[in-house]
Amino acid sequence: MTRLIPALTASVLVIACGVVHGFWTDRWQGQPVETTDAAARMDALPLDIGDWSGSVLEVKQPRAGDVAGTIERRYQNLRTGEEVSVYMVCGRPGPVSIHTPEVCYAASGFVVGTKGRAAIREQGGDFWCADAVKSKAGQETRLRIYWGWNAGKGWTAPDGDPRWTFTTGRHAPVLYKLYVLRDLGASASSGKDDPCQSFLRALLPEMDQSMTAPGS
């Protein structure tokens, strides 16, 4: 009997961890109507934003990872020629809160550097920022990535595990996750001259308008 106790204890812990993970990722919930409507509103984001002109990129798996909707675009500044890429998903908080760049880019062979917080003060947005480097066959790819979440009260870059922030308590039924990134090439500029920050200052007002539900 004493030999069964450790095995039973381990089984209980595994089941408990599975239950907690299931609640965190909303494994047992279907897509509520709010997320379907949010995905439709997300598609209304303009292609022309200030000095930036966008083009739609094909999304191979628009519903991957139990998200409700995905958009992927490339924007070019018509004055400077600088380009940035945009990737945004929306859906239930569980699936959308996971898979940050430290996970998904690292899985693709990138080494992701230490992240820092970037505040887009003019628009009240708060994002994480990190550089990612991938070396292969003598070639190096260097990216700068900004990312954050929006649960209906502005763009934030929470400390700690975002699953805990967005899936505990009375969280909103819809969560957005946004990536804005660019190929650094030989450049590594930062601060207000960073094209990603310049683009975010133009993007966020347009995005907030397109994401707002009628009557809210």
N, C-alpha and C. Protein backbone atom coordinates (compact mmCIF):
# COMPACT_ATOMS: atom_id res chain seq x y z
N MET A 1 0.83 -1.22 0.00
CA MET A 1 0.00 0.00 0.00
C MET A 1 0.86 1.26 0.00
N THR A 2 1.93 1.23 0.77
CA THR A 2 2.79 2.42 0.84
C THR A 2 3.42 2.74 -0.50
N ARG A 3 3.61 1.71 -1.36
CA ARG A 3 4.19 1.95 -2.67
C ARG A 3 3.21 2.67 -3.59
N LEU A 4 1.93 2.54 -3.32
CA LEU A 4 0.93 3.18 -4.18
C LEU A 4 0.79 4.67 -3.90
N ILE A 5 1.17 5.08 -2.70
CA ILE A 5 0.96 6.48 -2.32
C ILE A 5 1.71 7.45 -3.23
N PRO A 6 3.03 7.23 -3.50
CA PRO A 6 3.72 8.15 -4.42
C PRO A 6 3.10 8.19 -5.80
N ALA A 7 2.68 7.01 -6.31
CA ALA A 7 2.08 6.95 -7.64
C ALA A 7 0.76 7.70 -7.67
N LEU A 8 -0.06 7.52 -6.62
CA LEU A 8 -1.34 8.22 -6.56
C LEU A 8 -1.14 9.72 -6.44
N THR A 9 -0.15 10.12 -5.63
CA THR A 9 0.15 11.54 -5.47
C THR A 9 0.57 12.16 -6.79
N ALA A 10 1.44 11.45 -7.52
CA ALA A 10 1.89 11.96 -8.83
C ALA A 10 0.73 12.07 -9.80
N SER A 11 -0.18 11.09 -9.78
CA SER A 11 -1.34 11.12 -10.68
C SER A 11 -2.23 12.31 -10.38
N VAL A 12 -2.45 12.57 -9.08
CA VAL A 12 -3.28 13.71 -8.69
C VAL A 12 -2.65 15.01 -9.16
N LEU A 13 -1.33 15.13 -9.01
CA LEU A 13 -0.65 16.35 -9.44
C LEU A 13 -0.74 16.54 -10.94
N VAL A 14 -0.59 15.46 -11.70
CA VAL A 14 -0.70 15.55 -13.17
C VAL A 14 -2.09 16.00 -13.58
N ILE A 15 -3.11 15.40 -12.94
CA ILE A 15 -4.50 15.76 -13.26
C ILE A 15 -4.77 17.22 -12.89
N ALA A 16 -4.28 17.63 -11.72
CA ALA A 16 -4.49 19.01 -11.29
C ALA A 16 -3.84 19.99 -12.25
N CYS A 17 -2.61 19.68 -12.67
CA CYS A 17 -1.92 20.56 -13.63
C CYS A 17 -2.68 20.63 -14.94
N GLY A 18 -3.23 19.48 -15.36
CA GLY A 18 -4.00 19.46 -16.60
C GLY A 18 -5.26 20.30 -16.51
N VAL A 19 -5.92 20.25 -15.35
CA VAL A 19 -7.13 21.06 -15.16
C VAL A 19 -6.80 22.54 -15.18
N VAL A 20 -5.74 22.92 -14.44
CA VAL A 20 -5.33 24.33 -14.41
C VAL A 20 -4.98 24.80 -15.82
N HIS A 21 -4.20 24.01 -16.55
CA HIS A 21 -3.83 24.40 -17.92
C HIS A 21 -5.06 24.50 -18.81
N GLY A 22 -6.03 23.61 -18.60
CA GLY A 22 -7.26 23.65 -19.39
C GLY A 22 -8.05 24.93 -19.17
N PHE A 23 -8.12 25.37 -17.90
CA PHE A 23 -8.81 26.63 -17.62
C PHE A 23 -8.03 27.82 -18.18
N TRP A 24 -6.70 27.78 -18.07
CA TRP A 24 -5.88 28.87 -18.59
C TRP A 24 -6.04 29.04 -20.09
N THR A 25 -6.15 27.92 -20.80
CA THR A 25 -6.21 27.98 -22.27
C THR A 25 -7.63 27.90 -22.80
N ASP A 26 -8.63 27.88 -21.91
CA ASP A 26 -10.04 27.80 -22.32
C ASP A 26 -10.29 26.56 -23.18
N ARG A 27 -9.68 25.44 -22.79
CA ARG A 27 -9.73 24.24 -23.62
C ARG A 27 -11.14 23.73 -23.81
N TRP A 28 -12.01 23.93 -22.82
CA TRP A 28 -13.33 23.32 -22.88
C TRP A 28 -14.42 24.32 -23.26
N GLN A 29 -14.02 25.45 -23.80
CA GLN A 29 -15.00 26.45 -24.22
C GLN A 29 -14.98 26.61 -25.74
N GLY A 30 -16.15 26.83 -26.32
CA GLY A 30 -16.21 27.14 -27.74
C GLY A 30 -15.97 28.62 -27.97
N GLN A 31 -15.93 29.02 -29.23
CA GLN A 31 -15.74 30.43 -29.54
C GLN A 31 -17.03 31.19 -29.28
N PRO A 32 -17.05 32.12 -28.31
CA PRO A 32 -18.25 32.91 -28.08
C PRO A 32 -18.49 33.88 -29.24
N VAL A 33 -19.71 34.38 -29.33
CA VAL A 33 -20.05 35.27 -30.44
C VAL A 33 -19.21 36.53 -30.40
N GLU A 34 -18.76 36.96 -29.21
CA GLU A 34 -17.94 38.17 -29.12
C GLU A 34 -16.64 38.03 -29.90
N THR A 35 -16.04 36.84 -29.87
CA THR A 35 -14.77 36.67 -30.58
C THR A 35 -14.97 36.63 -32.08
N THR A 36 -16.10 36.07 -32.53
CA THR A 36 -16.39 36.06 -33.96
C THR A 36 -16.60 37.47 -34.48
N ASP A 37 -17.32 38.29 -33.72
CA ASP A 37 -17.53 39.69 -34.11
C ASP A 37 -16.21 40.45 -34.08
N ALA A 38 -15.36 40.16 -33.09
CA ALA A 38 -14.07 40.85 -32.99
C ALA A 38 -13.19 40.54 -34.19
N ALA A 39 -13.22 39.29 -34.65
CA ALA A 39 -12.43 38.91 -35.82
C ALA A 39 -12.88 39.67 -37.06
N ALA A 40 -14.20 39.85 -37.21
CA ALA A 40 -14.72 40.59 -38.35
C ALA A 40 -14.32 42.06 -38.30
N ARG A 41 -14.35 42.66 -37.10
CA ARG A 41 -13.95 44.06 -36.96
C ARG A 41 -12.46 44.24 -37.23
N MET A 42 -11.66 43.25 -36.85
CA MET A 42 -10.23 43.33 -37.06
C MET A 42 -9.88 43.45 -38.54
N ASP A 43 -10.65 42.79 -39.38
CA ASP A 43 -10.41 42.85 -40.83
C ASP A 43 -10.64 44.24 -41.40
N ALA A 44 -11.35 45.11 -40.63
CA ALA A 44 -11.64 46.46 -41.11
C ALA A 44 -10.47 47.42 -40.94
N LEU A 45 -9.36 46.95 -40.38
CA LEU A 45 -8.19 47.82 -40.22
C LEU A 45 -7.74 48.33 -41.58
N PRO A 46 -7.59 49.65 -41.77
CA PRO A 46 -7.26 50.21 -43.09
C PRO A 46 -5.88 49.76 -43.58
N LEU A 47 -5.75 49.74 -44.89
CA LEU A 47 -4.45 49.47 -45.51
C LEU A 47 -3.62 50.75 -45.63
N ASP A 48 -4.28 51.88 -45.70
CA ASP A 48 -3.58 53.17 -45.76
C ASP A 48 -3.70 53.86 -44.41
N ILE A 49 -2.55 54.04 -43.74
CA ILE A 49 -2.52 54.65 -42.41
C ILE A 49 -1.45 55.74 -42.42
N GLY A 50 -1.87 56.99 -42.49
CA GLY A 50 -0.91 58.09 -42.53
C GLY A 50 0.02 57.94 -43.72
N ASP A 51 1.32 57.96 -43.47
CA ASP A 51 2.32 57.80 -44.53
C ASP A 51 2.56 56.35 -44.91
N TRP A 52 1.84 55.44 -44.28
CA TRP A 52 2.09 54.02 -44.47
C TRP A 52 1.05 53.40 -45.39
N SER A 53 1.52 52.60 -46.35
CA SER A 53 0.63 51.89 -47.27
C SER A 53 0.83 50.39 -47.07
N GLY A 54 -0.28 49.69 -46.89
CA GLY A 54 -0.18 48.28 -46.54
C GLY A 54 -0.59 47.33 -47.64
N SER A 55 -0.16 46.10 -47.52
CA SER A 55 -0.57 45.02 -48.40
C SER A 55 -0.88 43.81 -47.53
N VAL A 56 -1.88 43.04 -47.96
CA VAL A 56 -2.33 41.88 -47.19
C VAL A 56 -1.45 40.67 -47.52
N LEU A 57 -0.97 39.99 -46.49
CA LEU A 57 -0.21 38.76 -46.67
C LEU A 57 -1.12 37.57 -46.40
N GLU A 58 -0.89 36.49 -47.12
CA GLU A 58 -1.71 35.30 -46.95
C GLU A 58 -1.46 34.67 -45.59
N VAL A 59 -2.54 34.37 -44.88
CA VAL A 59 -2.45 33.67 -43.60
C VAL A 59 -2.75 32.20 -43.86
N LYS A 60 -1.75 31.34 -43.69
CA LYS A 60 -1.92 29.93 -44.02
C LYS A 60 -2.88 29.22 -43.08
N GLN A 61 -2.87 29.60 -41.80
CA GLN A 61 -3.76 28.98 -40.82
C GLN A 61 -4.45 30.07 -40.01
N PRO A 62 -5.51 30.69 -40.59
CA PRO A 62 -6.15 31.83 -39.91
C PRO A 62 -6.81 31.47 -38.60
N ARG A 63 -7.10 30.18 -38.36
CA ARG A 63 -7.73 29.79 -37.09
C ARG A 63 -6.82 28.91 -36.25
N ALA A 64 -5.52 28.95 -36.52
CA ALA A 64 -4.57 28.10 -35.80
C ALA A 64 -4.55 28.44 -34.32
N GLY A 65 -4.38 27.41 -33.49
CA GLY A 65 -4.26 27.65 -32.05
C GLY A 65 -5.54 28.08 -31.39
N ASP A 66 -6.70 27.75 -31.98
CA ASP A 66 -8.00 28.09 -31.40
C ASP A 66 -8.25 29.58 -31.31
N VAL A 67 -7.59 30.38 -32.16
CA VAL A 67 -7.89 31.81 -32.20
C VAL A 67 -9.07 32.02 -33.13
N ALA A 68 -9.76 33.16 -32.95
CA ALA A 68 -10.95 33.43 -33.76
C ALA A 68 -10.61 34.07 -35.10
N GLY A 69 -9.53 34.84 -35.14
CA GLY A 69 -9.17 35.52 -36.39
C GLY A 69 -7.72 35.95 -36.39
N THR A 70 -7.16 36.08 -37.59
CA THR A 70 -5.76 36.45 -37.76
C THR A 70 -5.63 37.39 -38.95
N ILE A 71 -4.84 38.44 -38.82
CA ILE A 71 -4.45 39.23 -39.98
C ILE A 71 -2.93 39.35 -40.00
N GLU A 72 -2.40 39.38 -41.21
CA GLU A 72 -0.96 39.52 -41.40
C GLU A 72 -0.74 40.46 -42.57
N ARG A 73 0.01 41.53 -42.34
CA ARG A 73 0.19 42.56 -43.36
C ARG A 73 1.62 43.10 -43.36
N ARG A 74 1.95 43.73 -44.46
CA ARG A 74 3.22 44.45 -44.55
C ARG A 74 2.91 45.90 -44.91
N TYR A 75 3.51 46.83 -44.19
CA TYR A 75 3.29 48.26 -44.44
C TYR A 75 4.62 48.92 -44.82
N GLN A 76 4.53 49.83 -45.79
CA GLN A 76 5.71 50.58 -46.21
C GLN A 76 5.45 52.07 -46.05
N ASN A 77 6.44 52.77 -45.51
CA ASN A 77 6.35 54.22 -45.39
C ASN A 77 6.65 54.84 -46.75
N LEU A 78 5.69 55.56 -47.31
CA LEU A 78 5.83 56.10 -48.66
C LEU A 78 6.87 57.22 -48.73
N ARG A 79 7.22 57.82 -47.61
CA ARG A 79 8.24 58.87 -47.60
C ARG A 79 9.66 58.32 -47.46
N THR A 80 9.81 57.35 -46.55
CA THR A 80 11.15 56.87 -46.23
C THR A 80 11.49 55.52 -46.86
N GLY A 81 10.47 54.79 -47.30
CA GLY A 81 10.69 53.46 -47.86
C GLY A 81 10.84 52.37 -46.81
N GLU A 82 10.78 52.72 -45.52
CA GLU A 82 10.93 51.72 -44.47
C GLU A 82 9.71 50.79 -44.43
N GLU A 83 9.96 49.53 -44.08
CA GLU A 83 8.90 48.53 -44.05
C GLU A 83 8.80 47.88 -42.67
N VAL A 84 7.57 47.58 -42.28
CA VAL A 84 7.32 46.82 -41.05
C VAL A 84 6.27 45.77 -41.38
N SER A 85 6.26 44.71 -40.58
CA SER A 85 5.25 43.67 -40.73
C SER A 85 4.35 43.66 -39.51
N VAL A 86 3.09 43.32 -39.73
CA VAL A 86 2.09 43.31 -38.67
C VAL A 86 1.45 41.93 -38.62
N TYR A 87 1.37 41.40 -37.42
CA TYR A 87 0.68 40.13 -37.20
C TYR A 87 -0.22 40.32 -35.99
N MET A 88 -1.54 40.06 -36.15
CA MET A 88 -2.46 40.24 -35.04
C MET A 88 -3.47 39.11 -35.02
N VAL A 89 -3.77 38.63 -33.81
CA VAL A 89 -4.78 37.60 -33.62
C VAL A 89 -5.75 38.08 -32.56
N CYS A 90 -6.95 37.49 -32.57
CA CYS A 90 -7.91 37.76 -31.51
C CYS A 90 -8.66 36.47 -31.21
N GLY A 91 -9.21 36.41 -30.02
CA GLY A 91 -9.96 35.23 -29.62
C GLY A 91 -10.13 35.18 -28.12
N ARG A 92 -10.41 33.99 -27.60
CA ARG A 92 -10.55 33.82 -26.17
C ARG A 92 -9.20 34.06 -25.49
N PRO A 93 -9.21 34.61 -24.27
CA PRO A 93 -7.94 34.97 -23.62
C PRO A 93 -6.96 33.82 -23.46
N GLY A 94 -7.45 32.61 -23.21
CA GLY A 94 -6.54 31.49 -23.00
C GLY A 94 -5.59 31.25 -24.16
N PRO A 95 -6.11 30.95 -25.35
CA PRO A 95 -5.22 30.68 -26.49
C PRO A 95 -4.41 31.90 -26.93
N VAL A 96 -4.96 33.11 -26.80
CA VAL A 96 -4.29 34.30 -27.31
C VAL A 96 -3.18 34.77 -26.38
N SER A 97 -3.27 34.46 -25.10
CA SER A 97 -2.28 34.95 -24.15
C SER A 97 -0.96 34.20 -24.22
N ILE A 98 -0.93 33.04 -24.86
CA ILE A 98 0.30 32.23 -24.87
C ILE A 98 1.09 32.45 -26.17
N HIS A 99 2.21 31.74 -26.29
CA HIS A 99 3.06 31.77 -27.49
C HIS A 99 3.61 33.18 -27.75
N THR A 100 4.40 33.68 -26.84
CA THR A 100 5.09 34.95 -27.03
C THR A 100 6.32 34.73 -27.92
N PRO A 101 6.97 35.79 -28.42
CA PRO A 101 8.13 35.61 -29.29
C PRO A 101 9.25 34.77 -28.68
N GLU A 102 9.42 34.85 -27.35
CA GLU A 102 10.46 34.03 -26.73
C GLU A 102 10.23 32.55 -26.99
N VAL A 103 8.96 32.18 -27.23
CA VAL A 103 8.63 30.78 -27.48
C VAL A 103 8.59 30.48 -28.98
N CYS A 104 7.75 31.24 -29.72
CA CYS A 104 7.53 30.88 -31.12
C CYS A 104 8.75 31.18 -32.01
N TYR A 105 9.43 32.29 -31.77
CA TYR A 105 10.62 32.59 -32.58
C TYR A 105 11.79 31.70 -32.19
N ALA A 106 11.90 31.39 -30.91
CA ALA A 106 12.96 30.48 -30.48
C ALA A 106 12.77 29.11 -31.11
N ALA A 107 11.50 28.68 -31.27
CA ALA A 107 11.22 27.39 -31.90
C ALA A 107 11.61 27.39 -33.38
N SER A 108 11.72 28.58 -33.99
CA SER A 108 12.12 28.68 -35.40
C SER A 108 13.61 28.90 -35.58
N GLY A 109 14.36 28.79 -34.49
CA GLY A 109 15.81 28.90 -34.59
C GLY A 109 16.39 30.25 -34.23
N PHE A 110 15.56 31.20 -33.79
CA PHE A 110 16.05 32.52 -33.40
C PHE A 110 16.52 32.50 -31.95
N VAL A 111 17.52 33.30 -31.69
CA VAL A 111 17.92 33.59 -30.31
C VAL A 111 17.33 34.95 -29.95
N VAL A 112 16.40 34.95 -29.02
CA VAL A 112 15.69 36.17 -28.65
C VAL A 112 16.41 36.83 -27.48
N GLY A 113 16.78 38.09 -27.66
CA GLY A 113 17.51 38.81 -26.62
C GLY A 113 16.61 39.24 -25.48
N THR A 114 17.22 39.93 -24.53
CA THR A 114 16.47 40.40 -23.36
C THR A 114 15.43 41.43 -23.78
N LYS A 115 14.22 41.25 -23.32
CA LYS A 115 13.15 42.17 -23.70
C LYS A 115 13.16 43.40 -22.80
N GLY A 116 12.68 44.50 -23.37
CA GLY A 116 12.52 45.74 -22.62
C GLY A 116 11.16 46.34 -22.94
N ARG A 117 10.68 47.18 -22.06
CA ARG A 117 9.36 47.78 -22.27
C ARG A 117 9.48 49.04 -23.12
N ALA A 118 8.60 49.16 -24.11
CA ALA A 118 8.56 50.33 -24.99
C ALA A 118 7.18 50.98 -24.85
N ALA A 119 7.16 52.20 -24.37
CA ALA A 119 5.91 52.93 -24.18
C ALA A 119 5.66 53.84 -25.38
N ILE A 120 4.52 53.65 -26.02
CA ILE A 120 4.08 54.55 -27.09
C ILE A 120 3.22 55.60 -26.42
N ARG A 121 3.89 56.57 -25.82
CA ARG A 121 3.23 57.47 -24.88
C ARG A 121 2.12 58.30 -25.52
N GLU A 122 2.31 58.70 -26.78
CA GLU A 122 1.31 59.54 -27.42
C GLU A 122 -0.05 58.83 -27.50
N GLN A 123 -0.03 57.50 -27.58
CA GLN A 123 -1.27 56.74 -27.71
C GLN A 123 -1.60 55.91 -26.47
N GLY A 124 -0.79 56.03 -25.43
CA GLY A 124 -1.07 55.29 -24.21
C GLY A 124 -0.84 53.80 -24.32
N GLY A 125 -0.01 53.36 -25.28
CA GLY A 125 0.24 51.93 -25.46
C GLY A 125 1.53 51.50 -24.79
N ASP A 126 1.55 50.28 -24.32
CA ASP A 126 2.71 49.72 -23.64
C ASP A 126 3.03 48.37 -24.28
N PHE A 127 4.26 48.20 -24.79
CA PHE A 127 4.64 47.00 -25.51
C PHE A 127 5.97 46.47 -24.99
N TRP A 128 6.17 45.16 -25.19
CA TRP A 128 7.49 44.59 -25.03
C TRP A 128 8.26 44.72 -26.33
N CYS A 129 9.58 44.79 -26.24
CA CYS A 129 10.42 44.88 -27.43
C CYS A 129 11.67 44.02 -27.21
N ALA A 130 12.07 43.28 -28.24
CA ALA A 130 13.28 42.47 -28.16
C ALA A 130 13.82 42.26 -29.57
N ASP A 131 15.13 42.07 -29.67
CA ASP A 131 15.76 41.71 -30.93
C ASP A 131 15.94 40.20 -30.98
N ALA A 132 15.79 39.65 -32.19
CA ALA A 132 15.95 38.21 -32.39
C ALA A 132 16.92 37.98 -33.54
N VAL A 133 17.84 37.05 -33.35
CA VAL A 133 18.88 36.78 -34.34
C VAL A 133 18.87 35.30 -34.71
N LYS A 134 18.98 35.03 -36.00
CA LYS A 134 19.04 33.66 -36.49
C LYS A 134 20.20 33.54 -37.47
N SER A 135 21.12 32.63 -37.19
CA SER A 135 22.28 32.42 -38.05
C SER A 135 22.18 31.04 -38.68
N LYS A 136 22.36 31.01 -40.01
CA LYS A 136 22.27 29.74 -40.73
C LYS A 136 23.09 29.82 -42.01
N ALA A 137 23.99 28.87 -42.18
CA ALA A 137 24.80 28.76 -43.39
C ALA A 137 25.51 30.07 -43.72
N GLY A 138 26.06 30.70 -42.68
CA GLY A 138 26.80 31.93 -42.89
C GLY A 138 25.96 33.17 -43.09
N GLN A 139 24.63 33.04 -43.04
CA GLN A 139 23.73 34.18 -43.19
C GLN A 139 23.06 34.48 -41.85
N GLU A 140 22.84 35.75 -41.61
CA GLU A 140 22.25 36.17 -40.34
C GLU A 140 20.99 37.00 -40.59
N THR A 141 19.92 36.63 -39.89
CA THR A 141 18.67 37.39 -39.94
C THR A 141 18.47 38.04 -38.59
N ARG A 142 18.25 39.35 -38.61
CA ARG A 142 18.09 40.11 -37.37
C ARG A 142 16.76 40.85 -37.41
N LEU A 143 15.93 40.60 -36.42
CA LEU A 143 14.60 41.21 -36.35
C LEU A 143 14.45 42.00 -35.07
N ARG A 144 13.65 43.04 -35.13
CA ARG A 144 13.22 43.74 -33.92
C ARG A 144 11.71 43.54 -33.81
N ILE A 145 11.26 43.06 -32.66
CA ILE A 145 9.87 42.67 -32.49
C ILE A 145 9.25 43.44 -31.33
N TYR A 146 8.09 44.03 -31.60
CA TYR A 146 7.28 44.65 -30.55
C TYR A 146 6.02 43.81 -30.39
N TRP A 147 5.58 43.59 -29.15
CA TRP A 147 4.36 42.82 -28.96
C TRP A 147 3.64 43.26 -27.69
N GLY A 148 2.31 43.12 -27.73
CA GLY A 148 1.48 43.49 -26.60
C GLY A 148 0.08 42.91 -26.76
N TRP A 149 -0.75 43.11 -25.72
CA TRP A 149 -2.10 42.57 -25.72
C TRP A 149 -3.10 43.69 -25.40
N ASN A 150 -4.34 43.45 -25.83
CA ASN A 150 -5.41 44.41 -25.54
C ASN A 150 -6.66 43.62 -25.18
N ALA A 151 -7.15 43.81 -23.95
CA ALA A 151 -8.37 43.15 -23.49
C ALA A 151 -9.52 44.13 -23.41
N GLY A 152 -9.40 45.24 -24.17
CA GLY A 152 -10.46 46.23 -24.18
C GLY A 152 -10.16 47.48 -23.40
N LYS A 153 -8.99 47.52 -22.74
CA LYS A 153 -8.62 48.69 -21.94
C LYS A 153 -7.25 49.22 -22.31
N GLY A 154 -6.89 49.08 -23.58
CA GLY A 154 -5.62 49.61 -24.05
C GLY A 154 -4.56 48.52 -24.18
N TRP A 155 -3.50 48.86 -24.89
CA TRP A 155 -2.42 47.91 -25.17
C TRP A 155 -1.46 47.86 -23.99
N THR A 156 -1.18 46.65 -23.52
CA THR A 156 -0.36 46.48 -22.34
C THR A 156 0.70 45.41 -22.56
N ALA A 157 1.77 45.50 -21.77
CA ALA A 157 2.84 44.50 -21.75
C ALA A 157 2.99 44.05 -20.31
N PRO A 158 2.17 43.12 -19.86
CA PRO A 158 2.15 42.76 -18.44
C PRO A 158 3.42 42.04 -18.02
N ASP A 159 3.81 42.28 -16.77
CA ASP A 159 4.90 41.51 -16.18
C ASP A 159 4.40 40.11 -15.87
N GLY A 160 5.33 39.17 -15.79
CA GLY A 160 4.96 37.82 -15.44
C GLY A 160 4.28 37.09 -16.59
N ASP A 161 3.57 36.04 -16.25
CA ASP A 161 2.91 35.19 -17.24
C ASP A 161 1.62 35.86 -17.72
N PRO A 162 1.49 36.18 -19.02
CA PRO A 162 0.27 36.83 -19.49
C PRO A 162 -0.98 35.97 -19.31
N ARG A 163 -0.81 34.65 -19.25
CA ARG A 163 -1.97 33.79 -19.01
C ARG A 163 -2.61 34.13 -17.66
N TRP A 164 -1.77 34.40 -16.67
CA TRP A 164 -2.30 34.73 -15.35
C TRP A 164 -3.00 36.09 -15.39
N THR A 165 -2.43 37.03 -16.14
CA THR A 165 -3.02 38.37 -16.22
C THR A 165 -4.39 38.36 -16.89
N PHE A 166 -4.51 37.59 -17.98
CA PHE A 166 -5.71 37.71 -18.81
C PHE A 166 -6.72 36.58 -18.63
N THR A 167 -6.40 35.56 -17.85
CA THR A 167 -7.35 34.44 -17.71
C THR A 167 -7.82 34.23 -16.28
N THR A 168 -7.43 35.11 -15.35
CA THR A 168 -7.90 34.99 -13.98
C THR A 168 -8.81 36.17 -13.65
N GLY A 169 -9.69 35.94 -12.71
CA GLY A 169 -10.61 37.01 -12.32
C GLY A 169 -11.66 37.25 -13.39
N ARG A 170 -12.17 38.45 -13.43
CA ARG A 170 -13.24 38.80 -14.38
C ARG A 170 -12.60 39.37 -15.65
N HIS A 171 -12.00 38.49 -16.44
CA HIS A 171 -11.33 38.95 -17.64
C HIS A 171 -12.34 39.15 -18.78
N ALA A 172 -11.95 39.94 -19.77
CA ALA A 172 -12.80 40.21 -20.92
C ALA A 172 -12.93 38.96 -21.77
N PRO A 173 -14.05 38.81 -22.52
CA PRO A 173 -14.23 37.61 -23.35
C PRO A 173 -13.34 37.59 -24.58
N VAL A 174 -12.78 38.74 -24.97
CA VAL A 174 -11.96 38.83 -26.17
C VAL A 174 -10.60 39.43 -25.83
N LEU A 175 -9.56 38.83 -26.37
CA LEU A 175 -8.20 39.36 -26.19
C LEU A 175 -7.54 39.46 -27.56
N TYR A 176 -6.85 40.59 -27.79
CA TYR A 176 -6.08 40.79 -29.01
C TYR A 176 -4.59 40.69 -28.67
N LYS A 177 -3.83 40.15 -29.60
CA LYS A 177 -2.36 40.14 -29.47
C LYS A 177 -1.77 40.70 -30.76
N LEU A 178 -0.83 41.63 -30.61
CA LEU A 178 -0.26 42.34 -31.75
C LEU A 178 1.25 42.20 -31.77
N TYR A 179 1.78 41.84 -32.95
CA TYR A 179 3.22 41.89 -33.22
C TYR A 179 3.46 42.95 -34.29
N VAL A 180 4.43 43.80 -34.09
CA VAL A 180 4.94 44.68 -35.14
C VAL A 180 6.45 44.46 -35.18
N LEU A 181 6.98 44.13 -36.34
CA LEU A 181 8.39 43.80 -36.43
C LEU A 181 9.00 44.29 -37.73
N ARG A 182 10.31 44.34 -37.73
CA ARG A 182 11.03 44.72 -38.95
C ARG A 182 12.36 44.01 -39.02
N ASP A 183 12.85 43.89 -40.23
CA ASP A 183 14.18 43.32 -40.47
C ASP A 183 15.20 44.41 -40.20
N LEU A 184 16.08 44.18 -39.25
CA LEU A 184 17.06 45.20 -38.90
C LEU A 184 18.12 45.37 -39.97
N GLY A 185 18.47 44.30 -40.67
CA GLY A 185 19.54 44.40 -41.65
C GLY A 185 20.80 44.91 -40.99
N ALA A 186 21.39 45.96 -41.56
CA ALA A 186 22.60 46.55 -40.97
C ALA A 186 22.26 47.63 -39.96
N SER A 187 20.96 47.94 -39.83
CA SER A 187 20.55 49.02 -38.94
C SER A 187 20.08 48.48 -37.61
N ALA A 188 20.32 49.21 -36.56
CA ALA A 188 19.83 48.81 -35.24
C ALA A 188 19.37 50.03 -34.47
N SER A 189 18.71 50.97 -35.17
CA SER A 189 18.27 52.20 -34.52
C SER A 189 17.23 51.90 -33.45
N SER A 190 17.13 52.76 -32.50
CA SER A 190 16.16 52.58 -31.42
C SER A 190 15.56 53.94 -31.07
N GLY A 191 14.68 53.92 -30.08
CA GLY A 191 14.07 55.17 -29.65
C GLY A 191 12.99 55.63 -30.60
N LYS A 192 12.71 56.94 -30.61
CA LYS A 192 11.61 57.46 -31.41
C LYS A 192 11.86 57.34 -32.90
N ASP A 193 13.11 57.18 -33.33
CA ASP A 193 13.39 57.05 -34.75
C ASP A 193 13.18 55.62 -35.25
N ASP A 194 12.89 54.69 -34.35
CA ASP A 194 12.65 53.32 -34.76
C ASP A 194 11.37 53.28 -35.61
N PRO A 195 11.44 52.74 -36.84
CA PRO A 195 10.25 52.70 -37.70
C PRO A 195 9.07 51.98 -37.06
N CYS A 196 9.32 50.95 -36.25
CA CYS A 196 8.22 50.25 -35.60
C CYS A 196 7.45 51.17 -34.66
N GLN A 197 8.18 52.00 -33.91
CA GLN A 197 7.51 52.92 -33.00
C GLN A 197 6.76 54.00 -33.77
N SER A 198 7.37 54.49 -34.85
CA SER A 198 6.70 55.48 -35.68
C SER A 198 5.41 54.90 -36.26
N PHE A 199 5.48 53.65 -36.69
CA PHE A 199 4.29 53.00 -37.25
C PHE A 199 3.24 52.79 -36.16
N LEU A 200 3.65 52.36 -34.99
CA LEU A 200 2.69 52.13 -33.91
C LEU A 200 1.95 53.41 -33.53
N ARG A 201 2.64 54.54 -33.56
CA ARG A 201 1.98 55.81 -33.23
C ARG A 201 0.88 56.12 -34.24
N ALA A 202 1.07 55.72 -35.48
CA ALA A 202 0.04 55.91 -36.50
C ALA A 202 -1.02 54.82 -36.45
N LEU A 203 -0.59 53.61 -36.11
CA LEU A 203 -1.49 52.45 -36.16
C LEU A 203 -2.51 52.42 -35.03
N LEU A 204 -2.10 52.70 -33.81
CA LEU A 204 -2.96 52.45 -32.66
C LEU A 204 -4.30 53.20 -32.71
N PRO A 205 -4.34 54.49 -33.09
CA PRO A 205 -5.65 55.14 -33.18
C PRO A 205 -6.57 54.47 -34.20
N GLU A 206 -6.02 54.07 -35.35
CA GLU A 206 -6.82 53.40 -36.37
C GLU A 206 -7.29 52.05 -35.87
N MET A 207 -6.42 51.35 -35.17
CA MET A 207 -6.76 50.03 -34.67
C MET A 207 -7.84 50.11 -33.59
N ASP A 208 -7.69 51.07 -32.68
CA ASP A 208 -8.70 51.22 -31.63
C ASP A 208 -10.07 51.53 -32.22
N GLN A 209 -10.08 52.32 -33.29
CA GLN A 209 -11.36 52.65 -33.90
C GLN A 209 -11.99 51.44 -34.58
N SER A 210 -11.18 50.65 -35.30
CA SER A 210 -11.73 49.51 -36.02
C SER A 210 -12.12 48.40 -35.07
N MET A 211 -11.49 48.31 -33.91
CA MET A 211 -11.78 47.24 -32.96
C MET A 211 -12.94 47.54 -32.04
N THR A 212 -13.38 48.79 -31.99
CA THR A 212 -14.45 49.18 -31.07
C THR A 212 -15.78 48.63 -31.55
N ALA A 213 -16.47 47.92 -30.67
CA ALA A 213 -17.77 47.36 -31.02
C ALA A 213 -18.82 48.45 -31.09
N PRO A 214 -19.79 48.36 -32.00
CA PRO A 214 -20.85 49.35 -32.08
C PRO A 214 -21.57 49.49 -30.75
N GLY A 215 -21.79 50.75 -30.35
CA GLY A 215 -22.53 51.01 -29.12
C GLY A 215 -21.71 50.96 -27.85
N SER A 216 -20.36 50.65 -28.01
CA SER A 216 -19.53 50.57 -26.80
C SER A 216 -18.92 51.92 -26.48
